[in-house]
Amino acid sequence: MPVAELTASKLLSHIQAVRMQSDRLFEVLKPHAIYERPIAERHRVIFYIGHLDGFDAIKIARQGAGKESPDAALDALFQAGIDPDSAHLPSDTPADWPSLEQVRTYVRRCRKRVDEAIDQCPEDIVLMALEHRQMHLETLAYMFHNFDYKLKNIPDEIAQPESDSRSCPSNEWRDIPAGEAILGRKHGSGFGWDNEFGQVRRPVPAFRIQKYKVSNREYLRFVEAGAAMPHFWMCRNGKLFYRGMFQEIPLPLDWPVYVTEQQAESYAKWLGASIPAEEQFHRAAYCTPSGDIREYPWGEDVPAWRYGNFDFKRWDPESVTATPDGDSAFGVSQLTGNGWEWTSTTFGPFPGFRSLPTYPGYSANFFDGEHNVLKGGSPRTAARLLRSSFRNWFRRDYPYVYATFRCVDGRAG
């Protein structure tokens, strides 16, 4: 059924607001960076300028409202992203892409078509387009993180990053009693991506989990024992620095460490522990000692910055101790925000999985045994994507994402 008039108007306002966010994000870069590729495994930036609005027009105007596109060739060019794979890097050149003015003209036409078609489009397709763009706000942020600072429009006044290594206590363990984890959501329970559906209940034995995400201070001991430095670290004249979005800063020891799944797994093994399975994360994050299930670790309140570093609160992390109001019922901190959390669970379908007919390859193309589930959210994750059923995934060796971890073991009580 088409969206009701009031709902269509509200959804259009949401789409337009997120457009403004993406436009502002592209303005972080100087013009000559648009045809560069900050990450070898990803497209050049010019692709994403066309992709966001091309996707909206394809889904909302063409698929949702049945309006054919006058830009079929550009739709095809900007339709498909890349699964980051260091073994199969893209080889295109800047000359293979249209001019920036051509792409901007295409974007304007796409936006006009979307605005005219949105009241004829099913709500779930509009929400798909909205969340797709919000996901890319994060993808683009971590891509831009890797650009040389000379290619960015750095603000005149950069807020001094908040870091206090004295606030980084020992990472105590929290006991999680045996119980049931409820993963995913029921079909017909509102909008979600295909991998979220097919709700499943899994028994989880008792375990212990670290209260805090593993900090740079903790991971530094692992590096000093011979491990490789994470991608976000660098060493200059014998001193360690963190690669921030707009400046390098002395390594903030109380911030969470951003690492690959392989690095997280190696650290956990070095500690004599492991990284949590998806169901263990759910037990620690969304369950309570009384057996109730919460939508968020802190309860049912909508996400707000007092509960965590998410929804574009910061460009970079904050201390692992910064937001105690967001602790779970078991006293575990920052299970939402300040960095996605790697799990040991290979990305795959829940029972009853059905691909979305409007986006059949969204998840199914990645059920290949090479990607792991991440949960929680980062500083650049939109509030809509913080729901308990949302699942992120990346290759285990992918170093660029805002992803951290914490350890678990089976010695509870």
Protein backbone atom coordinates (compact mmCIF):
# COMPACT_ATOMS: atom_id res chain seq x y z
CA MET A 1 0.00 0.00 0.00
CA PRO A 2 1.25 3.55 -0.72
CA VAL A 3 2.37 5.61 2.22
CA ALA A 4 -0.36 7.80 3.71
CA GLU A 5 0.00 11.48 2.86
CA LEU A 6 1.17 12.61 6.29
CA THR A 7 3.57 9.70 6.61
CA ALA A 8 4.95 10.35 3.12
CA SER A 9 5.58 13.98 4.04
CA LYS A 10 7.35 12.96 7.23
CA LEU A 11 9.46 10.35 5.44
CA LEU A 12 10.42 12.87 2.79
CA SER A 13 11.58 15.25 5.52
CA HIS A 14 13.74 12.45 6.93
CA ILE A 15 15.20 11.72 3.49
CA GLN A 16 15.93 15.40 2.92
CA ALA A 17 17.58 15.77 6.34
CA VAL A 18 19.90 12.82 5.67
CA ARG A 19 20.70 14.24 2.22
CA MET A 20 21.92 17.38 3.96
CA GLN A 21 24.10 15.25 6.24
CA SER A 22 25.71 13.48 3.30
CA ASP A 23 26.20 16.77 1.43
CA ARG A 24 27.99 18.21 4.46
CA LEU A 25 30.12 15.10 4.75
CA PHE A 26 31.35 15.41 1.15
CA GLU A 27 32.27 19.02 1.95
CA VAL A 28 34.90 17.67 4.36
CA LEU A 29 37.01 16.93 1.26
CA LYS A 30 38.77 19.39 -1.00
CA PRO A 31 37.59 19.17 -4.63
CA HIS A 32 40.67 17.38 -5.95
CA ALA A 33 40.09 14.51 -3.50
CA ILE A 34 36.78 13.56 -5.10
CA TYR A 35 38.45 11.32 -7.70
CA GLU A 36 40.84 9.75 -5.19
CA ARG A 37 40.51 6.39 -3.47
CA PRO A 38 41.44 6.62 0.25
CA ILE A 39 41.04 2.86 0.75
CA ALA A 40 42.36 0.51 -1.93
CA GLU A 41 39.45 -1.92 -1.49
CA ARG A 42 36.76 0.73 -2.01
CA HIS A 43 35.45 2.85 -4.86
CA ARG A 44 36.69 6.36 -5.53
CA VAL A 45 34.70 9.08 -3.74
CA ILE A 46 32.99 10.14 -6.97
CA PHE A 47 31.13 6.82 -7.01
CA TYR A 48 29.46 7.52 -3.67
CA ILE A 49 28.30 10.98 -4.72
CA GLY A 50 26.25 9.34 -7.46
CA HIS A 51 25.46 6.13 -5.60
CA LEU A 52 23.48 7.57 -2.69
CA ASP A 53 20.92 9.37 -4.82
CA GLY A 54 21.00 6.78 -7.58
CA PHE A 55 20.03 4.15 -5.02
CA ASP A 56 17.21 6.35 -3.70
CA ALA A 57 15.81 6.90 -7.21
CA ILE A 58 16.10 3.24 -8.20
CA LYS A 59 14.35 2.01 -5.07
CA ILE A 60 11.77 4.74 -4.50
CA ALA A 61 10.94 6.05 -7.96
CA ARG A 62 11.58 3.01 -10.17
CA GLN A 63 10.89 0.00 -7.98
CA GLY A 64 8.50 1.60 -5.49
CA ALA A 65 6.46 3.88 -7.74
CA GLY A 66 7.02 2.24 -11.13
CA LYS A 67 8.55 5.31 -12.77
CA GLU A 68 11.23 4.47 -15.33
CA SER A 69 14.52 6.31 -15.14
CA PRO A 70 15.86 8.59 -17.89
CA ASP A 71 19.41 7.79 -16.69
CA ALA A 72 19.69 4.02 -17.13
CA ALA A 73 23.42 4.09 -17.92
CA LEU A 74 24.27 6.23 -14.89
CA ASP A 75 21.96 4.14 -12.71
CA ALA A 76 23.97 1.07 -13.70
CA LEU A 77 27.30 2.83 -13.12
CA PHE A 78 26.39 3.99 -9.63
CA GLN A 79 24.31 1.02 -8.51
CA ALA A 80 26.74 -1.54 -7.07
CA GLY A 81 29.27 -1.07 -4.30
CA ILE A 82 32.27 -3.24 -3.51
CA ASP A 83 32.77 -5.99 -0.96
CA PRO A 84 36.14 -4.93 0.48
CA ASP A 85 38.53 -7.70 -0.51
CA SER A 86 42.26 -7.05 -0.51
CA ALA A 87 42.78 -9.97 -2.90
CA HIS A 88 40.63 -8.44 -5.66
CA LEU A 89 41.24 -4.70 -5.77
CA PRO A 90 39.42 -2.38 -8.20
CA SER A 91 41.56 -1.12 -11.08
CA ASP A 92 39.56 1.80 -12.52
CA THR A 93 41.12 5.22 -13.11
CA PRO A 94 39.68 8.73 -12.60
CA ALA A 95 39.19 8.98 -16.36
CA ASP A 96 36.69 6.11 -16.18
CA TRP A 97 34.21 8.30 -14.30
CA PRO A 98 31.93 11.16 -15.43
CA SER A 99 32.78 14.75 -14.55
CA LEU A 100 31.71 16.07 -11.18
CA GLU A 101 29.22 18.41 -12.85
CA GLN A 102 27.67 15.48 -14.75
CA VAL A 103 27.32 13.56 -11.50
CA ARG A 104 25.82 16.52 -9.69
CA THR A 105 23.29 16.97 -12.49
CA TYR A 106 22.41 13.28 -12.15
CA VAL A 107 21.99 13.74 -8.39
CA ARG A 108 19.61 16.67 -8.88
CA ARG A 109 17.48 14.65 -11.31
CA CYS A 110 17.40 11.69 -8.92
CA ARG A 111 16.30 13.86 -6.02
CA LYS A 112 13.54 15.44 -8.07
CA ARG A 113 12.22 12.01 -9.08
CA VAL A 114 12.31 10.78 -5.48
CA ASP A 115 10.49 13.84 -4.17
CA GLU A 116 7.76 13.38 -6.78
CA ALA A 117 7.37 9.62 -6.26
CA ILE A 118 7.64 9.17 -2.51
CA ASP A 119 3.89 9.38 -1.84
CA GLN A 120 3.37 6.46 -4.27
CA CYS A 121 6.02 4.25 -2.71
CA PRO A 122 5.61 1.60 0.01
CA GLU A 123 6.95 2.76 3.35
CA ASP A 124 9.42 -0.10 3.73
CA ILE A 125 11.21 0.90 0.52
CA VAL A 126 11.52 4.51 1.69
CA LEU A 127 12.95 3.31 5.01
CA MET A 128 15.37 1.08 3.12
CA ALA A 129 16.66 4.07 1.19
CA LEU A 130 16.88 6.16 4.37
CA GLU A 131 18.90 3.58 6.30
CA HIS A 132 21.07 2.79 3.28
CA ARG A 133 22.19 6.42 3.19
CA GLN A 134 22.72 6.47 6.95
CA MET A 135 24.96 3.41 6.66
CA HIS A 136 27.01 5.20 4.03
CA LEU A 137 27.44 8.21 6.29
CA GLU A 138 29.53 5.88 8.42
CA THR A 139 31.27 4.13 5.52
CA LEU A 140 32.29 7.47 4.07
CA ALA A 141 33.50 8.72 7.46
CA TYR A 142 35.93 5.87 7.93
CA MET A 143 36.99 6.17 4.30
CA PHE A 144 37.69 9.89 4.73
CA HIS A 145 39.53 9.07 7.94
CA ASN A 146 42.25 7.61 5.73
CA PHE A 147 42.78 10.67 3.55
CA ASP A 148 45.86 12.79 4.06
CA TYR A 149 44.90 15.83 6.14
CA LYS A 150 45.99 18.06 3.21
CA LEU A 151 42.97 16.73 1.28
CA LYS A 152 40.47 17.72 3.96
CA ASN A 153 38.82 20.99 4.86
CA ILE A 154 39.92 20.94 8.47
CA PRO A 155 37.81 23.14 10.77
CA ASP A 156 39.53 26.33 11.94
CA GLU A 157 39.06 25.27 15.53
CA ILE A 158 39.31 21.58 16.25
CA ALA A 159 37.96 20.58 19.64
CA GLN A 160 40.71 19.12 21.78
CA PRO A 161 40.04 15.38 22.03
CA GLU A 162 38.94 14.34 25.48
CA SER A 163 41.27 11.75 26.94
CA ASP A 164 42.36 11.03 30.46
CA SER A 165 44.48 7.93 30.83
CA ARG A 166 43.99 8.12 34.59
CA SER A 167 40.30 7.24 34.00
CA CYS A 168 41.23 3.89 32.46
CA PRO A 169 40.76 1.40 35.30
CA SER A 170 41.56 -2.28 35.17
CA ASN A 171 39.06 -4.08 32.96
CA GLU A 172 37.02 -6.01 35.48
CA TRP A 173 34.84 -8.99 34.58
CA ARG A 174 31.06 -9.16 34.86
CA ASP A 175 29.22 -12.43 35.42
CA ILE A 176 26.39 -13.21 33.02
CA PRO A 177 24.19 -16.08 34.29
CA ALA A 178 22.99 -18.88 32.06
CA GLY A 179 19.85 -18.01 30.17
CA GLU A 180 18.29 -17.47 26.80
CA ALA A 181 19.28 -15.01 24.10
CA ILE A 182 16.70 -13.84 21.58
CA LEU A 183 18.31 -12.93 18.28
CA GLY A 184 16.66 -11.27 15.32
CA ARG A 185 13.04 -10.24 15.01
CA LYS A 186 9.75 -11.73 13.90
CA HIS A 187 8.51 -11.29 10.36
CA GLY A 188 5.90 -8.55 10.21
CA SER A 189 7.32 -6.66 13.21
CA GLY A 190 8.20 -3.50 11.28
CA PHE A 191 11.05 -2.49 9.03
CA GLY A 192 14.31 -4.36 9.18
CA TRP A 193 16.95 -5.75 6.84
CA ASP A 194 16.58 -9.32 5.65
CA ASN A 195 19.32 -10.71 7.93
CA GLU A 196 17.46 -9.44 11.01
CA PHE A 197 14.42 -11.67 10.47
CA GLY A 198 13.72 -15.23 11.48
CA GLN A 199 13.79 -14.71 15.24
CA VAL A 200 15.68 -17.44 17.07
CA ARG A 201 16.06 -18.30 20.76
CA ARG A 202 19.37 -19.78 21.87
CA PRO A 203 20.39 -21.11 25.29
CA VAL A 204 23.59 -19.50 26.55
CA PRO A 205 25.68 -21.07 29.34
CA ALA A 206 26.97 -18.78 32.08
CA PHE A 207 30.05 -16.74 31.15
CA ARG A 208 32.11 -13.72 32.14
CA ILE A 209 32.56 -10.65 29.97
CA GLN A 210 34.80 -7.63 30.35
CA LYS A 211 33.02 -4.54 31.63
CA TYR A 212 34.79 -2.23 29.17
CA LYS A 213 35.85 -2.42 25.57
CA VAL A 214 39.54 -3.29 25.31
CA SER A 215 41.39 0.03 25.57
CA ASN A 216 44.46 1.27 23.76
CA ARG A 217 46.32 0.91 27.06
CA GLU A 218 45.46 -2.78 27.30
CA TYR A 219 46.22 -3.47 23.66
CA LEU A 220 49.56 -1.66 23.96
CA ARG A 221 50.79 -4.43 26.24
CA PHE A 222 49.96 -6.92 23.46
CA VAL A 223 51.89 -4.80 20.95
CA GLU A 224 54.83 -4.60 23.34
CA ALA A 225 54.72 -8.41 23.49
CA GLY A 226 55.23 -8.57 19.72
CA ALA A 227 51.84 -8.01 18.06
CA ALA A 228 51.43 -5.65 15.11
CA MET A 229 50.07 -2.15 15.68
CA PRO A 230 46.44 -1.50 14.71
CA HIS A 231 45.72 0.54 11.57
CA PHE A 232 44.65 3.61 13.59
CA TRP A 233 48.00 3.80 15.40
CA MET A 234 51.27 5.21 14.11
CA CYS A 235 54.74 5.57 15.55
CA ARG A 236 56.72 8.78 15.03
CA ASN A 237 60.17 9.24 16.56
CA GLY A 238 59.48 6.49 19.04
CA LYS A 239 56.13 7.93 20.20
CA LEU A 240 52.70 6.48 19.50
CA PHE A 241 49.91 8.54 17.96
CA TYR A 242 46.28 7.97 17.05
CA ARG A 243 45.10 8.77 13.50
CA GLY A 244 42.14 11.07 14.21
CA MET A 245 39.75 12.36 11.59
CA PHE A 246 41.31 15.83 11.51
CA GLN A 247 44.56 15.51 13.46
CA GLU A 248 47.06 13.10 14.89
CA ILE A 249 47.08 13.03 18.68
CA PRO A 250 49.21 11.24 21.27
CA LEU A 251 47.72 7.76 21.66
CA PRO A 252 44.71 8.13 24.03
CA LEU A 253 45.20 5.16 26.32
CA ASP A 254 41.65 5.30 27.69
CA TRP A 255 39.97 5.10 24.27
CA PRO A 256 38.85 1.76 22.83
CA VAL A 257 41.26 0.14 20.39
CA TYR A 258 40.02 -0.22 16.79
CA VAL A 259 41.19 -3.51 15.28
CA THR A 260 40.37 -6.30 12.84
CA GLU A 261 38.56 -9.43 13.97
CA GLN A 262 41.78 -11.36 13.53
CA GLN A 263 43.62 -8.96 15.83
CA ALA A 264 40.79 -9.12 18.38
CA GLU A 265 40.84 -12.91 18.31
CA SER A 266 44.63 -13.00 18.70
CA TYR A 267 44.53 -10.64 21.67
CA ALA A 268 41.79 -12.67 23.36
CA LYS A 269 43.76 -15.88 22.87
CA TRP A 270 46.87 -14.16 24.31
CA LEU A 271 44.75 -13.24 27.34
CA GLY A 272 43.47 -16.80 27.69
CA ALA A 273 39.96 -15.86 26.65
CA SER A 274 37.90 -15.45 23.47
CA ILE A 275 35.68 -12.86 21.81
CA PRO A 276 31.92 -13.22 22.38
CA ALA A 277 29.52 -15.05 20.13
CA GLU A 278 26.54 -13.06 18.89
CA GLU A 279 24.27 -14.68 21.47
CA GLN A 280 26.69 -13.87 24.30
CA PHE A 281 26.71 -10.24 23.21
CA HIS A 282 22.90 -10.26 23.28
CA ARG A 283 22.80 -11.76 26.77
CA ALA A 284 25.19 -9.13 28.12
CA ALA A 285 23.57 -6.22 26.26
CA TYR A 286 19.82 -6.75 26.17
CA CYS A 287 18.89 -9.23 28.92
CA THR A 288 18.32 -8.56 32.61
CA PRO A 289 18.79 -10.67 35.74
CA SER A 290 14.99 -10.97 35.97
CA GLY A 291 14.77 -12.38 32.44
CA ASP A 292 13.31 -9.30 30.75
CA ILE A 293 14.53 -8.19 27.32
CA ARG A 294 15.49 -4.58 26.62
CA GLU A 295 15.59 -2.81 23.27
CA TYR A 296 18.81 -1.04 24.27
CA PRO A 297 21.38 -1.89 26.94
CA TRP A 298 20.18 0.99 29.17
CA GLY A 299 16.47 0.21 28.75
CA GLU A 300 13.70 1.50 26.49
CA ASP A 301 14.62 5.20 26.28
CA VAL A 302 15.42 6.36 22.77
CA PRO A 303 19.16 6.76 22.08
CA ALA A 304 20.63 9.97 23.51
CA TRP A 305 24.24 11.07 23.87
CA ARG A 306 24.18 10.58 27.64
CA TYR A 307 23.99 6.84 26.90
CA GLY A 308 26.86 6.55 24.47
CA ASN A 309 29.05 7.84 21.66
CA PHE A 310 26.80 7.30 18.65
CA ASP A 311 24.53 9.15 16.21
CA PHE A 312 27.37 11.46 15.04
CA LYS A 313 28.22 12.64 18.56
CA ARG A 314 31.96 12.71 17.75
CA TRP A 315 34.32 12.05 14.87
CA ASP A 316 36.55 9.92 17.09
CA PRO A 317 36.14 7.71 20.17
CA GLU A 318 35.89 8.78 23.77
CA SER A 319 37.02 7.10 26.98
CA VAL A 320 35.75 3.58 27.63
CA THR A 321 34.41 4.90 30.96
CA ALA A 322 32.68 7.99 29.54
CA THR A 323 29.01 6.97 29.55
CA PRO A 324 28.03 4.89 32.59
CA ASP A 325 24.36 5.81 32.07
CA GLY A 326 24.44 3.49 29.06
CA ASP A 327 25.52 0.41 31.03
CA SER A 328 23.51 -2.77 30.61
CA ALA A 329 21.53 -4.42 33.39
CA PHE A 330 24.61 -6.52 34.15
CA GLY A 331 26.84 -3.45 34.47
CA VAL A 332 28.61 -3.82 31.12
CA SER A 333 29.61 -0.49 29.54
CA GLN A 334 29.29 0.87 26.00
CA LEU A 335 27.74 -2.16 24.35
CA THR A 336 26.17 0.44 22.07
CA GLY A 337 28.37 3.15 20.57
CA ASN A 338 32.06 4.13 20.67
CA GLY A 339 32.91 1.33 18.21
CA TRP A 340 31.24 -1.72 16.71
CA GLU A 341 32.10 -4.92 18.57
CA TRP A 342 33.47 -7.96 16.79
CA THR A 343 31.82 -11.28 17.56
CA SER A 344 33.10 -14.76 16.82
CA THR A 345 29.89 -15.50 14.88
CA THR A 346 30.23 -16.01 11.14
CA PHE A 347 27.68 -13.88 9.29
CA GLY A 348 24.83 -16.06 8.12
CA PRO A 349 21.04 -16.30 8.00
CA PHE A 350 18.65 -16.96 10.84
CA PRO A 351 16.09 -19.76 10.38
CA GLY A 352 13.34 -18.66 8.03
CA PHE A 353 15.61 -16.17 6.22
CA ARG A 354 14.03 -14.60 3.14
CA SER A 355 15.86 -12.17 0.86
CA LEU A 356 14.18 -8.82 0.32
CA PRO A 357 12.68 -8.87 -3.18
CA THR A 358 13.63 -5.19 -3.54
CA TYR A 359 17.27 -5.89 -2.58
CA PRO A 360 17.91 -9.65 -2.96
CA GLY A 361 21.70 -9.46 -2.68
CA TYR A 362 21.89 -7.28 0.43
CA SER A 363 22.82 -10.11 2.80
CA ALA A 364 22.79 -13.33 0.80
CA ASN A 365 25.86 -12.32 -1.23
CA PHE A 366 27.88 -12.28 2.01
CA PHE A 367 26.85 -15.65 3.45
CA ASP A 368 30.23 -16.95 2.34
CA GLY A 369 31.95 -17.86 5.60
CA GLU A 370 34.38 -14.96 5.24
CA HIS A 371 32.55 -12.27 7.23
CA ASN A 372 31.85 -11.95 10.95
CA VAL A 373 28.94 -10.28 12.71
CA LEU A 374 29.51 -6.99 14.53
CA LYS A 375 27.10 -5.52 17.05
CA GLY A 376 26.57 -2.23 18.85
CA GLY A 377 27.48 0.81 16.79
CA SER A 378 30.20 3.45 16.43
CA PRO A 379 30.43 7.22 16.90
CA ARG A 380 29.18 7.60 13.31
CA THR A 381 26.27 5.12 13.50
CA ALA A 382 22.83 6.71 13.11
CA ALA A 383 20.35 6.26 15.96
CA ARG A 384 17.95 4.30 13.74
CA LEU A 385 20.57 1.58 13.33
CA LEU A 386 21.08 1.03 17.06
CA ARG A 387 18.11 -1.36 17.41
CA SER A 388 18.96 -4.66 19.08
CA SER A 389 18.26 -6.75 15.98
CA PHE A 390 20.57 -4.81 13.66
CA ARG A 391 23.60 -6.79 12.45
CA ASN A 392 26.71 -5.38 10.81
CA TRP A 393 29.36 -7.53 9.12
CA PHE A 394 32.86 -7.25 7.67
CA ARG A 395 35.70 -9.45 6.51
CA ARG A 396 37.86 -10.64 9.38
CA ASP A 397 40.98 -8.86 8.10
CA TYR A 398 39.34 -5.49 7.33
CA PRO A 399 41.29 -2.82 9.29
CA TYR A 400 39.49 0.44 8.48
CA VAL A 401 36.13 0.15 10.21
CA TYR A 402 35.41 1.66 13.62
CA ALA A 403 35.43 -1.74 15.32
CA THR A 404 36.61 -2.78 18.74
CA PHE A 405 35.96 -5.74 21.03
CA ARG A 406 35.92 -7.13 24.52
CA CYS A 407 36.75 -10.61 25.84
CA VAL A 408 34.67 -13.39 27.38
CA ASP A 409 35.39 -16.65 29.13
CA GLY A 410 33.32 -19.43 30.63
CA ARG A 411 34.38 -18.96 34.24
CA ALA A 412 31.26 -17.30 35.62
CA GLY A 413 30.39 -17.00 39.27
